[in-house]
């Protein structure tokens, strides 16, 4: 009986140490556009192997933290990154409806043209994303 208790404790400890959310990697970082923090937007990591994509919101200081669905983190592997940030243009007398204006260049919104590919390792990953407007 004590042998089974020992095995159970060993398995439980491995589960807790490995993370209970089932994802093997956590990713966060900063996003800059022309060396300035991007203060809004969405970062998405699209897998280059079968699996779900992960995403995170960019906060007011340019930081992002990824989740896959409702779970924090993502599976290790190769990912193509996209970044999409817009801002509302204030209404004017000639245009009373506020319209979204792209902050990030169009190429960063599409995984086939972003050109940003990274390898996510198991454990913690700090992945800065440096965008340029040119």
N, C-alpha and C. Protein backbone atom coordinates (compact mmCIF):
# COMPACT_ATOMS: atom_id res chain seq x y z
N UNK A 1 0.82 -1.19 0.00
CA UNK A 1 0.00 0.00 0.00
C UNK A 1 0.87 1.26 0.00
N UNK A 2 1.92 1.29 0.83
CA UNK A 2 2.76 2.49 0.89
C UNK A 2 3.49 2.72 -0.44
N UNK A 3 3.75 1.64 -1.18
CA UNK A 3 4.38 1.78 -2.49
C UNK A 3 3.47 2.59 -3.42
N UNK A 4 2.15 2.30 -3.42
CA UNK A 4 1.19 3.03 -4.27
C UNK A 4 1.08 4.49 -3.85
N UNK A 5 1.16 4.74 -2.56
CA UNK A 5 1.12 6.12 -2.07
C UNK A 5 2.35 6.87 -2.58
N UNK A 6 3.50 6.23 -2.54
CA UNK A 6 4.73 6.84 -3.04
C UNK A 6 4.65 7.15 -4.53
N UNK A 7 4.12 6.21 -5.30
CA UNK A 7 3.97 6.42 -6.74
C UNK A 7 2.99 7.56 -7.00
N UNK A 8 1.87 7.58 -6.28
CA UNK A 8 0.90 8.65 -6.44
C UNK A 8 1.54 10.01 -6.13
N UNK A 9 2.29 10.11 -5.05
CA UNK A 9 2.94 11.37 -4.68
C UNK A 9 3.94 11.81 -5.74
N UNK A 10 4.69 10.86 -6.29
CA UNK A 10 5.67 11.16 -7.33
C UNK A 10 4.97 11.72 -8.58
N UNK A 11 3.90 11.06 -9.01
CA UNK A 11 3.15 11.51 -10.19
C UNK A 11 2.51 12.87 -9.93
N UNK A 12 1.93 13.06 -8.76
CA UNK A 12 1.30 14.33 -8.42
C UNK A 12 2.32 15.46 -8.39
N UNK A 13 3.50 15.20 -7.84
CA UNK A 13 4.55 16.22 -7.79
C UNK A 13 4.99 16.59 -9.21
N UNK A 14 5.12 15.62 -10.08
CA UNK A 14 5.50 15.90 -11.47
C UNK A 14 4.44 16.72 -12.19
N UNK A 15 3.17 16.45 -11.90
CA UNK A 15 2.08 17.20 -12.52
C UNK A 15 2.12 18.65 -12.06
N UNK A 16 2.30 18.88 -10.78
CA UNK A 16 2.35 20.25 -10.24
C UNK A 16 3.58 20.98 -10.75
N UNK A 17 4.73 20.33 -10.77
CA UNK A 17 5.96 20.97 -11.23
C UNK A 17 5.89 21.30 -12.72
N UNK A 18 5.20 20.47 -13.49
CA UNK A 18 5.10 20.68 -14.93
C UNK A 18 4.05 21.70 -15.32
N UNK A 19 3.23 22.08 -14.37
CA UNK A 19 2.17 23.05 -14.68
C UNK A 19 0.85 22.35 -14.84
N UNK A 20 -0.15 22.80 -14.15
CA UNK A 20 -1.45 22.15 -14.16
C UNK A 20 -2.28 22.51 -15.37
N UNK A 21 -1.90 23.48 -16.13
CA UNK A 21 -2.74 23.91 -17.23
C UNK A 21 -2.54 23.06 -18.48
N UNK A 22 -1.59 22.13 -18.48
CA UNK A 22 -1.41 21.24 -19.60
C UNK A 22 -0.57 21.82 -20.73
N UNK A 23 -0.15 23.07 -20.66
CA UNK A 23 0.69 23.68 -21.68
C UNK A 23 2.13 23.66 -21.19
N UNK A 24 3.06 23.32 -22.08
CA UNK A 24 4.44 23.17 -21.68
C UNK A 24 5.28 24.42 -21.74
N UNK A 25 4.75 25.53 -22.28
CA UNK A 25 5.55 26.74 -22.42
C UNK A 25 4.71 27.96 -22.06
N UNK A 26 5.36 28.93 -21.46
CA UNK A 26 4.74 30.22 -21.19
C UNK A 26 5.54 31.25 -21.98
N UNK A 27 4.82 32.16 -22.64
CA UNK A 27 5.47 33.17 -23.47
C UNK A 27 4.95 34.54 -23.10
N UNK A 28 5.88 35.47 -22.93
CA UNK A 28 5.55 36.88 -22.74
C UNK A 28 6.68 37.68 -23.38
N UNK A 29 6.48 38.98 -23.46
CA UNK A 29 7.51 39.83 -24.04
C UNK A 29 7.01 41.23 -24.25
N UNK A 30 7.78 42.01 -24.95
CA UNK A 30 7.39 43.38 -25.28
C UNK A 30 7.26 43.51 -26.79
N UNK A 31 6.40 44.43 -27.20
CA UNK A 31 6.22 44.71 -28.62
C UNK A 31 6.60 46.16 -28.84
N UNK A 32 7.49 46.39 -29.82
CA UNK A 32 7.87 47.75 -30.18
C UNK A 32 7.60 47.98 -31.66
N UNK A 33 7.29 49.23 -31.98
CA UNK A 33 7.15 49.66 -33.36
C UNK A 33 8.08 50.84 -33.53
N UNK A 34 9.08 50.69 -34.39
CA UNK A 34 10.12 51.71 -34.59
C UNK A 34 10.77 52.10 -33.26
N UNK A 35 11.12 51.09 -32.48
CA UNK A 35 11.82 51.21 -31.19
C UNK A 35 11.01 51.88 -30.09
N UNK A 36 9.70 52.05 -30.28
CA UNK A 36 8.81 52.60 -29.26
C UNK A 36 7.81 51.53 -28.85
N UNK A 37 7.48 51.43 -27.55
CA UNK A 37 6.50 50.41 -27.14
C UNK A 37 5.16 50.59 -27.85
N UNK A 38 4.60 49.49 -28.33
CA UNK A 38 3.26 49.49 -28.88
C UNK A 38 2.32 49.36 -27.69
N UNK A 39 1.34 50.20 -27.55
CA UNK A 39 0.54 50.24 -26.32
C UNK A 39 -0.88 49.70 -26.50
N UNK A 40 -1.12 49.01 -27.59
CA UNK A 40 -2.42 48.38 -27.84
C UNK A 40 -2.23 47.31 -28.89
N UNK A 41 -3.19 46.43 -29.03
CA UNK A 41 -3.13 45.43 -30.09
C UNK A 41 -3.21 44.00 -29.59
N UNK A 42 -3.13 43.10 -30.54
CA UNK A 42 -3.18 41.67 -30.26
C UNK A 42 -1.98 40.99 -30.92
N UNK A 43 -1.32 40.15 -30.16
CA UNK A 43 -0.21 39.32 -30.65
C UNK A 43 -0.75 37.91 -30.80
N UNK A 44 -0.50 37.28 -31.94
CA UNK A 44 -0.92 35.89 -32.16
C UNK A 44 0.27 35.05 -32.59
N UNK A 45 0.37 33.85 -32.03
CA UNK A 45 1.39 32.89 -32.41
C UNK A 45 0.68 31.76 -33.14
N UNK A 46 0.96 31.61 -34.45
CA UNK A 46 0.34 30.60 -35.30
C UNK A 46 1.32 29.43 -35.43
N UNK A 47 0.91 28.21 -35.04
CA UNK A 47 1.84 27.08 -35.08
C UNK A 47 2.22 26.69 -36.50
N UNK A 48 3.48 26.33 -36.67
CA UNK A 48 3.97 25.82 -37.95
C UNK A 48 3.95 24.30 -37.97
N UNK A 49 3.18 23.73 -37.06
CA UNK A 49 2.91 22.31 -36.95
C UNK A 49 1.45 22.21 -36.51
N UNK A 50 0.84 21.04 -36.58
CA UNK A 50 -0.57 20.95 -36.17
C UNK A 50 -0.75 21.41 -34.71
N UNK A 51 -1.80 22.16 -34.49
CA UNK A 51 -2.11 22.62 -33.14
C UNK A 51 -2.80 23.97 -33.15
N UNK A 52 -3.32 24.38 -31.99
CA UNK A 52 -4.04 25.65 -31.90
C UNK A 52 -3.09 26.84 -31.83
N UNK A 53 -3.60 28.01 -32.21
CA UNK A 53 -2.80 29.22 -32.09
C UNK A 53 -2.99 29.80 -30.70
N UNK A 54 -2.06 30.67 -30.31
CA UNK A 54 -2.12 31.34 -29.01
C UNK A 54 -2.14 32.84 -29.26
N UNK A 55 -2.69 33.58 -28.32
CA UNK A 55 -2.81 35.02 -28.50
C UNK A 55 -2.72 35.73 -27.15
N UNK A 56 -2.48 37.03 -27.21
CA UNK A 56 -2.45 37.86 -26.02
C UNK A 56 -2.65 39.32 -26.39
N UNK A 57 -3.18 40.08 -25.46
CA UNK A 57 -3.38 41.51 -25.66
C UNK A 57 -2.12 42.26 -25.25
N UNK A 58 -1.81 43.31 -25.99
CA UNK A 58 -0.68 44.17 -25.65
C UNK A 58 -1.19 45.20 -24.64
N UNK A 59 -0.48 45.35 -23.52
CA UNK A 59 -0.94 46.29 -22.50
C UNK A 59 -0.36 47.69 -22.72
N UNK A 60 -0.65 48.59 -21.81
CA UNK A 60 -0.30 50.01 -21.98
C UNK A 60 1.20 50.29 -21.95
N UNK A 61 2.01 49.31 -21.55
CA UNK A 61 3.47 49.51 -21.56
C UNK A 61 4.16 48.62 -22.60
N UNK A 62 3.34 47.96 -23.46
CA UNK A 62 3.90 47.16 -24.54
C UNK A 62 4.12 45.70 -24.22
N UNK A 63 3.66 45.20 -23.06
CA UNK A 63 3.85 43.80 -22.69
C UNK A 63 2.68 42.94 -23.18
N UNK A 64 2.97 41.67 -23.47
CA UNK A 64 1.93 40.70 -23.80
C UNK A 64 2.22 39.40 -23.08
N UNK A 65 1.18 38.61 -22.84
CA UNK A 65 1.25 37.30 -22.22
C UNK A 65 0.31 36.39 -23.02
N UNK A 66 0.81 35.23 -23.47
CA UNK A 66 0.02 34.38 -24.36
C UNK A 66 -0.84 33.37 -23.63
N UNK A 67 -1.98 33.08 -24.24
CA UNK A 67 -2.90 32.03 -23.81
C UNK A 67 -3.36 31.26 -25.03
N UNK A 68 -3.73 30.01 -24.82
CA UNK A 68 -4.36 29.21 -25.86
C UNK A 68 -5.78 28.94 -25.38
N UNK A 69 -6.74 29.59 -26.01
CA UNK A 69 -8.11 29.50 -25.50
C UNK A 69 -8.16 30.12 -24.12
N UNK A 70 -8.63 29.35 -23.14
CA UNK A 70 -8.71 29.85 -21.76
C UNK A 70 -7.52 29.41 -20.92
N UNK A 71 -6.58 28.66 -21.51
CA UNK A 71 -5.42 28.18 -20.78
C UNK A 71 -4.21 29.07 -21.02
N UNK A 72 -3.48 29.39 -19.94
CA UNK A 72 -2.24 30.15 -20.09
C UNK A 72 -1.19 29.28 -20.76
N UNK A 73 -0.40 29.91 -21.61
CA UNK A 73 0.71 29.21 -22.26
C UNK A 73 0.33 28.60 -23.59
N UNK A 74 1.25 27.81 -24.13
CA UNK A 74 1.08 27.14 -25.40
C UNK A 74 2.05 25.96 -25.47
N UNK A 75 1.92 25.15 -26.49
CA UNK A 75 2.80 24.01 -26.66
C UNK A 75 4.12 24.46 -27.27
N UNK A 76 5.23 23.84 -26.88
CA UNK A 76 6.52 24.17 -27.51
C UNK A 76 6.47 23.87 -29.01
N UNK A 77 7.26 24.61 -29.79
CA UNK A 77 7.33 24.38 -31.22
C UNK A 77 7.64 25.65 -31.98
N UNK A 78 7.53 25.58 -33.29
CA UNK A 78 7.80 26.70 -34.18
C UNK A 78 6.50 27.48 -34.44
N UNK A 79 6.58 28.81 -34.36
CA UNK A 79 5.40 29.66 -34.53
C UNK A 79 5.72 30.85 -35.43
N UNK A 80 4.73 31.26 -36.21
CA UNK A 80 4.78 32.51 -36.96
C UNK A 80 3.94 33.52 -36.19
N UNK A 81 4.51 34.71 -35.98
CA UNK A 81 3.86 35.74 -35.17
C UNK A 81 3.16 36.77 -36.06
N UNK A 82 1.94 37.14 -35.65
CA UNK A 82 1.25 38.28 -36.26
C UNK A 82 0.92 39.28 -35.15
N UNK A 83 0.87 40.55 -35.54
CA UNK A 83 0.51 41.62 -34.60
C UNK A 83 -0.48 42.53 -35.32
N UNK A 84 -1.58 42.81 -34.64
CA UNK A 84 -2.62 43.65 -35.20
C UNK A 84 -2.99 44.73 -34.19
N UNK A 85 -2.72 45.98 -34.54
CA UNK A 85 -3.06 47.09 -33.65
C UNK A 85 -3.74 48.20 -34.44
N UNK A 86 -4.85 48.68 -33.91
CA UNK A 86 -5.58 49.79 -34.52
C UNK A 86 -5.91 50.82 -33.44
N UNK A 87 -6.28 51.99 -33.89
CA UNK A 87 -6.77 53.03 -32.99
C UNK A 87 -7.97 53.68 -33.66
N UNK A 88 -8.87 54.24 -32.87
CA UNK A 88 -10.03 54.90 -33.43
C UNK A 88 -9.69 56.34 -33.80
N UNK A 89 -10.06 56.72 -35.00
CA UNK A 89 -9.90 58.10 -35.44
C UNK A 89 -11.10 58.87 -34.92
N UNK A 90 -10.89 59.97 -34.22
CA UNK A 90 -12.02 60.72 -33.66
C UNK A 90 -12.98 61.19 -34.76
N UNK A 91 -14.26 61.27 -34.43
CA UNK A 91 -15.23 61.74 -35.42
C UNK A 91 -14.99 63.21 -35.79
N UNK A 92 -15.37 63.53 -36.99
CA UNK A 92 -15.29 64.90 -37.49
C UNK A 92 -16.66 65.28 -38.04
N UNK A 93 -16.90 66.56 -38.29
CA UNK A 93 -18.19 66.94 -38.86
C UNK A 93 -18.47 66.24 -40.20
N UNK A 94 -17.44 66.01 -41.00
CA UNK A 94 -17.66 65.34 -42.28
C UNK A 94 -17.75 63.82 -42.14
N UNK A 95 -17.26 63.29 -41.01
CA UNK A 95 -17.31 61.84 -40.76
C UNK A 95 -17.68 61.62 -39.29
N UNK A 96 -18.97 61.56 -38.97
CA UNK A 96 -19.40 61.46 -37.57
C UNK A 96 -19.13 60.10 -36.91
N UNK A 97 -18.85 59.09 -37.70
CA UNK A 97 -18.56 57.76 -37.14
C UNK A 97 -17.06 57.59 -36.95
N UNK A 98 -16.61 57.22 -35.73
CA UNK A 98 -15.17 56.95 -35.56
C UNK A 98 -14.77 55.73 -36.38
N UNK A 99 -13.66 55.81 -37.03
CA UNK A 99 -13.16 54.72 -37.87
C UNK A 99 -11.85 54.19 -37.32
N UNK A 100 -11.62 52.87 -37.45
CA UNK A 100 -10.33 52.33 -37.02
C UNK A 100 -9.22 52.70 -37.99
N UNK A 101 -8.07 53.00 -37.45
CA UNK A 101 -6.89 53.31 -38.25
C UNK A 101 -5.80 52.30 -37.86
N UNK A 102 -5.17 51.69 -38.85
CA UNK A 102 -4.10 50.73 -38.59
C UNK A 102 -2.90 51.44 -37.96
N UNK A 103 -2.38 50.85 -36.90
CA UNK A 103 -1.13 51.32 -36.30
C UNK A 103 0.02 50.48 -36.83
N UNK A 104 -0.18 49.18 -36.86
CA UNK A 104 0.86 48.27 -37.36
C UNK A 104 0.74 48.14 -38.87
N UNK A 105 1.86 48.06 -39.57
CA UNK A 105 1.80 47.85 -41.02
C UNK A 105 1.04 46.57 -41.38
N UNK A 106 0.39 46.59 -42.51
CA UNK A 106 -0.46 45.48 -42.98
C UNK A 106 0.27 44.14 -42.98
N UNK A 107 1.55 44.13 -43.33
CA UNK A 107 2.28 42.85 -43.46
C UNK A 107 2.32 42.07 -42.15
N UNK A 108 2.29 42.76 -41.00
CA UNK A 108 2.35 42.07 -39.71
C UNK A 108 1.02 41.45 -39.30
N UNK A 109 -0.04 41.72 -40.01
CA UNK A 109 -1.37 41.19 -39.68
C UNK A 109 -1.62 39.82 -40.29
N UNK A 110 -0.78 39.38 -41.22
CA UNK A 110 -0.98 38.14 -41.96
C UNK A 110 0.19 37.20 -41.73
N UNK A 111 -0.11 35.96 -41.36
CA UNK A 111 0.99 35.02 -41.06
C UNK A 111 1.81 34.66 -42.29
N UNK A 112 1.27 34.85 -43.49
CA UNK A 112 2.04 34.54 -44.69
C UNK A 112 3.00 35.66 -45.07
N UNK A 113 2.84 36.85 -44.48
CA UNK A 113 3.71 37.97 -44.84
C UNK A 113 4.44 38.59 -43.66
N UNK A 114 4.15 38.14 -42.43
CA UNK A 114 4.77 38.80 -41.27
C UNK A 114 6.28 38.61 -41.22
N UNK A 115 6.76 37.45 -41.62
CA UNK A 115 8.20 37.21 -41.62
C UNK A 115 8.80 36.99 -40.24
N UNK A 116 7.97 36.86 -39.21
CA UNK A 116 8.48 36.67 -37.85
C UNK A 116 8.21 35.24 -37.42
N UNK A 117 9.25 34.43 -37.38
CA UNK A 117 9.15 33.03 -36.98
C UNK A 117 10.04 32.82 -35.77
N UNK A 118 9.49 32.17 -34.73
CA UNK A 118 10.25 31.91 -33.51
C UNK A 118 10.08 30.46 -33.08
N UNK A 119 11.03 30.00 -32.30
CA UNK A 119 10.97 28.67 -31.70
C UNK A 119 10.66 28.84 -30.22
N UNK A 120 9.54 28.26 -29.78
CA UNK A 120 9.13 28.33 -28.38
C UNK A 120 9.61 27.06 -27.69
N UNK A 121 10.34 27.23 -26.60
CA UNK A 121 10.87 26.11 -25.83
C UNK A 121 9.97 25.83 -24.62
N UNK A 122 10.07 24.65 -24.05
CA UNK A 122 9.34 24.32 -22.83
C UNK A 122 9.82 25.25 -21.71
N UNK A 123 8.91 25.62 -20.82
CA UNK A 123 9.25 26.53 -19.71
C UNK A 123 8.95 27.97 -20.09
N UNK A 124 9.64 28.90 -19.45
CA UNK A 124 9.40 30.32 -19.69
C UNK A 124 10.16 30.85 -20.89
N UNK A 125 9.51 31.68 -21.68
CA UNK A 125 10.10 32.28 -22.88
C UNK A 125 9.81 33.78 -22.87
N UNK A 126 10.84 34.60 -22.95
CA UNK A 126 10.68 36.04 -23.12
C UNK A 126 11.00 36.33 -24.58
N UNK A 127 9.97 36.68 -25.36
CA UNK A 127 10.17 36.88 -26.80
C UNK A 127 9.78 38.31 -27.15
N UNK A 128 10.80 39.19 -27.31
CA UNK A 128 10.50 40.54 -27.76
C UNK A 128 10.12 40.53 -29.24
N UNK A 129 9.18 41.41 -29.61
CA UNK A 129 8.75 41.53 -31.00
C UNK A 129 9.05 42.96 -31.44
N UNK A 130 9.96 43.09 -32.39
CA UNK A 130 10.38 44.40 -32.88
C UNK A 130 9.85 44.62 -34.28
N UNK A 131 8.91 45.54 -34.41
CA UNK A 131 8.28 45.85 -35.69
C UNK A 131 8.83 47.17 -36.23
N UNK A 132 8.80 47.32 -37.55
CA UNK A 132 9.19 48.58 -38.18
C UNK A 132 8.07 49.03 -39.11
N UNK A 133 7.93 50.34 -39.24
CA UNK A 133 6.89 50.87 -40.12
C UNK A 133 7.35 50.91 -41.57
N UNK A 134 8.60 50.65 -41.84
CA UNK A 134 9.12 50.68 -43.21
C UNK A 134 9.23 49.32 -43.79
